[in-house]
Amino acid sequence: MSVLPWQFGNVPGPKTALKLNGEVAGRLIKASKKPLIVVGAEALKTKISEDKYLLDYSIELSKLTNAPIVATSNTLKAFLERGYTPALVLGSVEITDRLRDSRWSVDGSEAHDLVIFMGITYQLQSQLLSALKNFALHLKTMSLDRYYHPNASWSFPNLPHNKWVENLNMILEILKKEKE
């Protein structure tokens, strides 16, 4: 059964994201050779628990995977306040443009193979993922937001908040087990 986009105007074409759960996402991230995490301004206000925001989650994910974070929009200050320095600060359109280059990476070595998006408004993220789906065939993309993004390679289906948080926590559990 296919998953409907969260916003019905989102017409992705015949190739759509495979829906995933936290366990599968954790294994895919673990299998990635050079993941990158792109974090947008929604991560500043999206709570995943009483005292934890999506931005905090992205830092924890980065530390577990050694994946660099690209801070977009106005997230830099919040990262620095938490004692974390992102690898790069760029607008979301600019990072998407750079990711289209199959030779580009944050550190200048081999290209990234998986880009994980979180905390970017639905409409903008949809267009960013569409650009990468059509013009960066060397990349796989994953959206960890709680709404289905058909233009990603993998995306959570549309989830209620509590199920989304369970899936995010499952990713961390899988990655922590792998580190032991």
C-alpha atoms as a PDB file:
ATOM      1  CA  MET A   1       0.000   0.000   0.000  1.00  0.00           C
ATOM      2  CA  SER A   2       1.414   3.371  -0.937  1.00  0.00           C
ATOM      3  CA  VAL A   3       1.685   6.300   1.422  1.00  0.00           C
ATOM      4  CA  LEU A   4       0.057   9.598   0.546  1.00  0.00           C
ATOM      5  CA  PRO A   5       2.139  12.763   0.788  1.00  0.00           C
ATOM      6  CA  TRP A   6       1.277  14.884   3.792  1.00  0.00           C
ATOM      7  CA  GLN A   7       0.272  17.675   1.423  1.00  0.00           C
ATOM      8  CA  PHE A   8      -1.755  16.485  -1.532  1.00  0.00           C
ATOM      9  CA  GLY A   9      -0.302  19.065  -3.939  1.00  0.00           C
ATOM     10  CA  ASN A  10       3.012  17.244  -3.699  1.00  0.00           C
ATOM     11  CA  VAL A  11       3.118  15.257  -6.959  1.00  0.00           C
ATOM     12  CA  PRO A  12       6.403  13.369  -6.949  1.00  0.00           C
ATOM     13  CA  GLY A  13       6.141  11.356 -10.171  1.00  0.00           C
ATOM     14  CA  PRO A  14       6.445   7.577 -10.502  1.00  0.00           C
ATOM     15  CA  LYS A  15       9.460   7.158  -8.201  1.00  0.00           C
ATOM     16  CA  THR A  16       8.500   7.707  -4.569  1.00  0.00           C
ATOM     17  CA  ALA A  17      10.164   7.216  -1.199  1.00  0.00           C
ATOM     18  CA  LEU A  18      10.209   3.862   0.463  1.00  0.00           C
ATOM     19  CA  LYS A  19       8.552   4.181   3.843  1.00  0.00           C
ATOM     20  CA  LEU A  20      10.688   3.185   6.765  1.00  0.00           C
ATOM     21  CA  ASN A  21      10.591   2.715  10.489  1.00  0.00           C
ATOM     22  CA  GLY A  22      13.212   3.501  13.109  1.00  0.00           C
ATOM     23  CA  GLU A  23      14.865   0.097  12.964  1.00  0.00           C
ATOM     24  CA  VAL A  24      15.310   0.179   9.190  1.00  0.00           C
ATOM     25  CA  ALA A  25      16.455   3.812   9.306  1.00  0.00           C
ATOM     26  CA  GLY A  26      19.060   2.960  11.941  1.00  0.00           C
ATOM     27  CA  ARG A  27      20.428   0.097   9.848  1.00  0.00           C
ATOM     28  CA  LEU A  28      20.514   2.208   6.677  1.00  0.00           C
ATOM     29  CA  ILE A  29      22.365   5.009   8.463  1.00  0.00           C
ATOM     30  CA  LYS A  30      24.797   2.492   9.965  1.00  0.00           C
ATOM     31  CA  ALA A  31      25.450   0.972   6.522  1.00  0.00           C
ATOM     32  CA  SER A  32      26.157   4.368   4.985  1.00  0.00           C
ATOM     33  CA  LYS A  33      29.827   5.062   4.291  1.00  0.00           C
ATOM     34  CA  LYS A  34      29.666   8.847   4.477  1.00  0.00           C
ATOM     35  CA  PRO A  35      26.385  10.265   5.792  1.00  0.00           C
ATOM     36  CA  LEU A  36      25.604  13.964   6.133  1.00  0.00           C
ATOM     37  CA  ILE A  37      22.903  15.558   8.286  1.00  0.00           C
ATOM     38  CA  VAL A  38      21.131  18.741   7.150  1.00  0.00           C
ATOM     39  CA  VAL A  39      19.232  20.524   9.932  1.00  0.00           C
ATOM     40  CA  GLY A  40      16.788  23.375   9.412  1.00  0.00           C
ATOM     41  CA  ALA A  41      15.126  25.985  11.607  1.00  0.00           C
ATOM     42  CA  GLU A  42      12.097  23.828  12.456  1.00  0.00           C
ATOM     43  CA  ALA A  43      14.484  21.771  14.616  1.00  0.00           C
ATOM     44  CA  LEU A  44      14.651  24.737  16.999  1.00  0.00           C
ATOM     45  CA  LYS A  45      10.976  24.523  17.892  1.00  0.00           C
ATOM     46  CA  THR A  46      10.090  20.879  17.320  1.00  0.00           C
ATOM     47  CA  LYS A  47       9.986  19.128  20.688  1.00  0.00           C
ATOM     48  CA  ILE A  48      10.595  15.417  20.906  1.00  0.00           C
ATOM     49  CA  SER A  49      10.311  15.284  24.685  1.00  0.00           C
ATOM     50  CA  GLU A  50       9.685  17.678  27.555  1.00  0.00           C
ATOM     51  CA  ASP A  51      13.232  19.047  27.487  1.00  0.00           C
ATOM     52  CA  LYS A  52      14.619  17.845  24.145  1.00  0.00           C
ATOM     53  CA  TYR A  53      14.262  19.430  20.725  1.00  0.00           C
ATOM     54  CA  LEU A  54      14.889  17.947  17.299  1.00  0.00           C
ATOM     55  CA  LEU A  55      18.096  20.020  17.224  1.00  0.00           C
ATOM     56  CA  ASP A  56      19.361  18.116  20.296  1.00  0.00           C
ATOM     57  CA  TYR A  57      18.448  14.857  18.583  1.00  0.00           C
ATOM     58  CA  SER A  58      20.466  15.834  15.497  1.00  0.00           C
ATOM     59  CA  ILE A  59      23.544  16.417  17.664  1.00  0.00           C
ATOM     60  CA  GLU A  60      23.137  13.025  19.309  1.00  0.00           C
ATOM     61  CA  LEU A  61      22.709  11.369  15.896  1.00  0.00           C
ATOM     62  CA  SER A  62      25.803  13.145  14.594  1.00  0.00           C
ATOM     63  CA  LYS A  63      27.907  12.007  17.539  1.00  0.00           C
ATOM     64  CA  LEU A  64      26.774   8.379  17.163  1.00  0.00           C
ATOM     65  CA  THR A  65      27.457   8.242  13.428  1.00  0.00           C
ATOM     66  CA  ASN A  66      30.341  10.706  13.052  1.00  0.00           C
ATOM     67  CA  ALA A  67      28.181  12.350  10.384  1.00  0.00           C
ATOM     68  CA  PRO A  68      28.831  16.072   9.998  1.00  0.00           C
ATOM     69  CA  ILE A  69      25.943  18.493  10.365  1.00  0.00           C
ATOM     70  CA  VAL A  70      25.166  21.308   7.975  1.00  0.00           C
ATOM     71  CA  ALA A  71      23.319  24.003   9.903  1.00  0.00           C
ATOM     72  CA  THR A  72      20.827  25.913   7.786  1.00  0.00           C
ATOM     73  CA  SER A  73      18.808  29.024   8.384  1.00  0.00           C
ATOM     74  CA  ASN A  74      19.279  30.445  11.865  1.00  0.00           C
ATOM     75  CA  THR A  75      20.298  27.246  13.676  1.00  0.00           C
ATOM     76  CA  LEU A  76      24.001  28.041  14.148  1.00  0.00           C
ATOM     77  CA  LYS A  77      23.533  29.982  17.386  1.00  0.00           C
ATOM     78  CA  ALA A  78      21.509  27.155  18.965  1.00  0.00           C
ATOM     79  CA  PHE A  79      24.143  24.586  17.992  1.00  0.00           C
ATOM     80  CA  LEU A  80      26.917  26.714  19.474  1.00  0.00           C
ATOM     81  CA  GLU A  81      24.930  27.291  22.683  1.00  0.00           C
ATOM     82  CA  ARG A  82      24.825  23.501  23.054  1.00  0.00           C
ATOM     83  CA  GLY A  83      28.594  23.240  22.636  1.00  0.00           C
ATOM     84  CA  TYR A  84      28.391  21.714  19.148  1.00  0.00           C
ATOM     85  CA  THR A  85      30.034  23.256  16.100  1.00  0.00           C
ATOM     86  CA  PRO A  86      28.443  22.235  12.785  1.00  0.00           C
ATOM     87  CA  ALA A  87      30.779  21.286   9.956  1.00  0.00           C
ATOM     88  CA  LEU A  88      29.244  23.916   7.688  1.00  0.00           C
ATOM     89  CA  VAL A  89      26.646  26.669   7.744  1.00  0.00           C
ATOM     90  CA  LEU A  90      24.745  27.152   4.482  1.00  0.00           C
ATOM     91  CA  GLY A  91      21.267  27.930   3.292  1.00  0.00           C
ATOM     92  CA  SER A  92      19.228  24.852   2.445  1.00  0.00           C
ATOM     93  CA  VAL A  93      19.111  25.756  -1.252  1.00  0.00           C
ATOM     94  CA  GLU A  94      22.886  26.271  -1.329  1.00  0.00           C
ATOM     95  CA  ILE A  95      23.657  22.934   0.331  1.00  0.00           C
ATOM     96  CA  THR A  96      21.277  21.194  -2.065  1.00  0.00           C
ATOM     97  CA  ASP A  97      23.045  22.814  -4.993  1.00  0.00           C
ATOM     98  CA  ARG A  98      26.433  21.608  -3.732  1.00  0.00           C
ATOM     99  CA  LEU A  99      25.129  18.100  -3.122  1.00  0.00           C
ATOM    100  CA  ARG A 100      24.218  17.794  -6.798  1.00  0.00           C
ATOM    101  CA  ASP A 101      27.976  17.661  -7.524  1.00  0.00           C
ATOM    102  CA  SER A 102      29.019  13.998  -7.293  1.00  0.00           C
ATOM    103  CA  ARG A 103      32.544  15.021  -6.219  1.00  0.00           C
ATOM    104  CA  TRP A 104      31.585  17.440  -3.422  1.00  0.00           C
ATOM    105  CA  SER A 105      31.676  16.745   0.310  1.00  0.00           C
ATOM    106  CA  VAL A 106      31.872  18.837   3.465  1.00  0.00           C
ATOM    107  CA  ASP A 107      35.470  17.792   4.096  1.00  0.00           C
ATOM    108  CA  GLY A 108      36.647  17.757   0.470  1.00  0.00           C
ATOM    109  CA  SER A 109      37.238  14.000   0.304  1.00  0.00           C
ATOM    110  CA  GLU A 110      34.905  11.452  -1.302  1.00  0.00           C
ATOM    111  CA  ALA A 111      31.275  12.448  -1.833  1.00  0.00           C
ATOM    112  CA  HIS A 112      28.508  11.783   0.680  1.00  0.00           C
ATOM    113  CA  ASP A 113      26.363   8.741  -0.049  1.00  0.00           C
ATOM    114  CA  LEU A 114      23.424   9.509   2.274  1.00  0.00           C
ATOM    115  CA  VAL A 115      21.949  12.863   3.232  1.00  0.00           C
ATOM    116  CA  ILE A 116      19.589  12.951   6.207  1.00  0.00           C
ATOM    117  CA  PHE A 117      17.174  15.886   6.311  1.00  0.00           C
ATOM    118  CA  MET A 118      15.370  17.096   9.415  1.00  0.00           C
ATOM    119  CA  GLY A 119      13.750  20.248  10.664  1.00  0.00           C
ATOM    120  CA  ILE A 120      13.130  21.922   7.304  1.00  0.00           C
ATOM    121  CA  THR A 121       9.623  23.146   6.502  1.00  0.00           C
ATOM    122  CA  TYR A 122       7.627  20.575   4.552  1.00  0.00           C
ATOM    123  CA  GLN A 123       7.214  22.579   1.368  1.00  0.00           C
ATOM    124  CA  LEU A 124      10.872  23.580   1.137  1.00  0.00           C
ATOM    125  CA  GLN A 125      12.165  20.129   2.032  1.00  0.00           C
ATOM    126  CA  SER A 126       9.929  18.645  -0.648  1.00  0.00           C
ATOM    127  CA  GLN A 127      11.549  20.813  -3.309  1.00  0.00           C
ATOM    128  CA  LEU A 128      15.082  20.183  -2.019  1.00  0.00           C
ATOM    129  CA  LEU A 129      14.498  16.438  -2.108  1.00  0.00           C
ATOM    130  CA  SER A 130      12.978  16.687  -5.584  1.00  0.00           C
ATOM    131  CA  ALA A 131      16.086  18.475  -6.870  1.00  0.00           C
ATOM    132  CA  LEU A 132      18.349  15.783  -5.422  1.00  0.00           C
ATOM    133  CA  LYS A 133      16.128  12.946  -6.644  1.00  0.00           C
ATOM    134  CA  ASN A 134      16.294  14.252 -10.193  1.00  0.00           C
ATOM    135  CA  PHE A 135      19.775  15.809 -10.375  1.00  0.00           C
ATOM    136  CA  ALA A 136      21.949  13.906  -7.871  1.00  0.00           C
ATOM    137  CA  LEU A 137      21.605  10.277  -8.845  1.00  0.00           C
ATOM    138  CA  HIS A 138      24.726   9.404  -6.837  1.00  0.00           C
ATOM    139  CA  LEU A 139      22.950  10.269  -3.543  1.00  0.00           C
ATOM    140  CA  LYS A 140      20.379   8.596  -1.347  1.00  0.00           C
ATOM    141  CA  THR A 141      18.234  10.842   0.818  1.00  0.00           C
ATOM    142  CA  MET A 142      16.328  10.235   4.032  1.00  0.00           C
ATOM    143  CA  SER A 143      13.803  12.446   5.761  1.00  0.00           C
ATOM    144  CA  LEU A 144      13.480  11.988   9.515  1.00  0.00           C
ATOM    145  CA  ASP A 145      10.591  14.423   9.867  1.00  0.00           C
ATOM    146  CA  ARG A 146       7.221  13.035  10.895  1.00  0.00           C
ATOM    147  CA  TYR A 147       5.484  13.564   7.565  1.00  0.00           C
ATOM    148  CA  TYR A 148       5.962  11.436   4.462  1.00  0.00           C
ATOM    149  CA  HIS A 149       8.260  12.991   1.864  1.00  0.00           C
ATOM    150  CA  PRO A 150       7.722  11.167  -1.444  1.00  0.00           C
ATOM    151  CA  ASN A 151      10.767  12.802  -3.074  1.00  0.00           C
ATOM    152  CA  ALA A 152      13.211  11.265  -0.573  1.00  0.00           C
ATOM    153  CA  SER A 153      14.760   7.847  -1.090  1.00  0.00           C
ATOM    154  CA  TRP A 154      13.395   6.862   2.343  1.00  0.00           C
ATOM    155  CA  SER A 155      10.886   8.598   4.587  1.00  0.00           C
ATOM    156  CA  PHE A 156       8.772   7.899   7.618  1.00  0.00           C
ATOM    157  CA  PRO A 157       5.086   7.607   6.730  1.00  0.00           C
ATOM    158  CA  ASN A 158       2.785  10.273   8.186  1.00  0.00           C
ATOM    159  CA  LEU A 159       3.049   9.594  11.917  1.00  0.00           C
ATOM    160  CA  PRO A 160       1.396  10.874  15.073  1.00  0.00           C
ATOM    161  CA  HIS A 161       3.916  12.685  17.280  1.00  0.00           C
ATOM    162  CA  ASN A 162       4.356   9.846  19.792  1.00  0.00           C
ATOM    163  CA  LYS A 163       5.000   7.219  17.068  1.00  0.00           C
ATOM    164  CA  TRP A 164       7.465   9.544  15.360  1.00  0.00           C
ATOM    165  CA  VAL A 165       9.412   9.989  18.614  1.00  0.00           C
ATOM    166  CA  GLU A 166       9.412   6.197  19.140  1.00  0.00           C
ATOM    167  CA  ASN A 167      10.938   5.759  15.682  1.00  0.00           C
ATOM    168  CA  LEU A 168      13.567   8.442  16.291  1.00  0.00           C
ATOM    169  CA  ASN A 169      14.535   6.748  19.557  1.00  0.00           C
ATOM    170  CA  MET A 170      14.713   3.369  17.804  1.00  0.00           C
ATOM    171  CA  ILE A 171      17.300   4.805  15.396  1.00  0.00           C
ATOM    172  CA  LEU A 172      19.488   5.821  18.336  1.00  0.00           C
ATOM    173  CA  GLU A 173      19.019   2.413  19.991  1.00  0.00           C
ATOM    174  CA  ILE A 174      20.102   0.596  16.809  1.00  0.00           C
ATOM    175  CA  LEU A 175      23.153   2.839  16.426  1.00  0.00           C
ATOM    176  CA  LYS A 176      24.112   2.473  20.103  1.00  0.00           C
ATOM    177  CA  LYS A 177      23.880  -1.333  19.867  1.00  0.00           C
ATOM    178  CA  GLU A 178      26.122  -1.276  16.819  1.00  0.00           C
ATOM    179  CA  LYS A 179      28.755   0.740  18.707  1.00  0.00           C
ATOM    180  CA  GLU A 180      28.941  -1.777  21.583  1.00  0.00           C
END
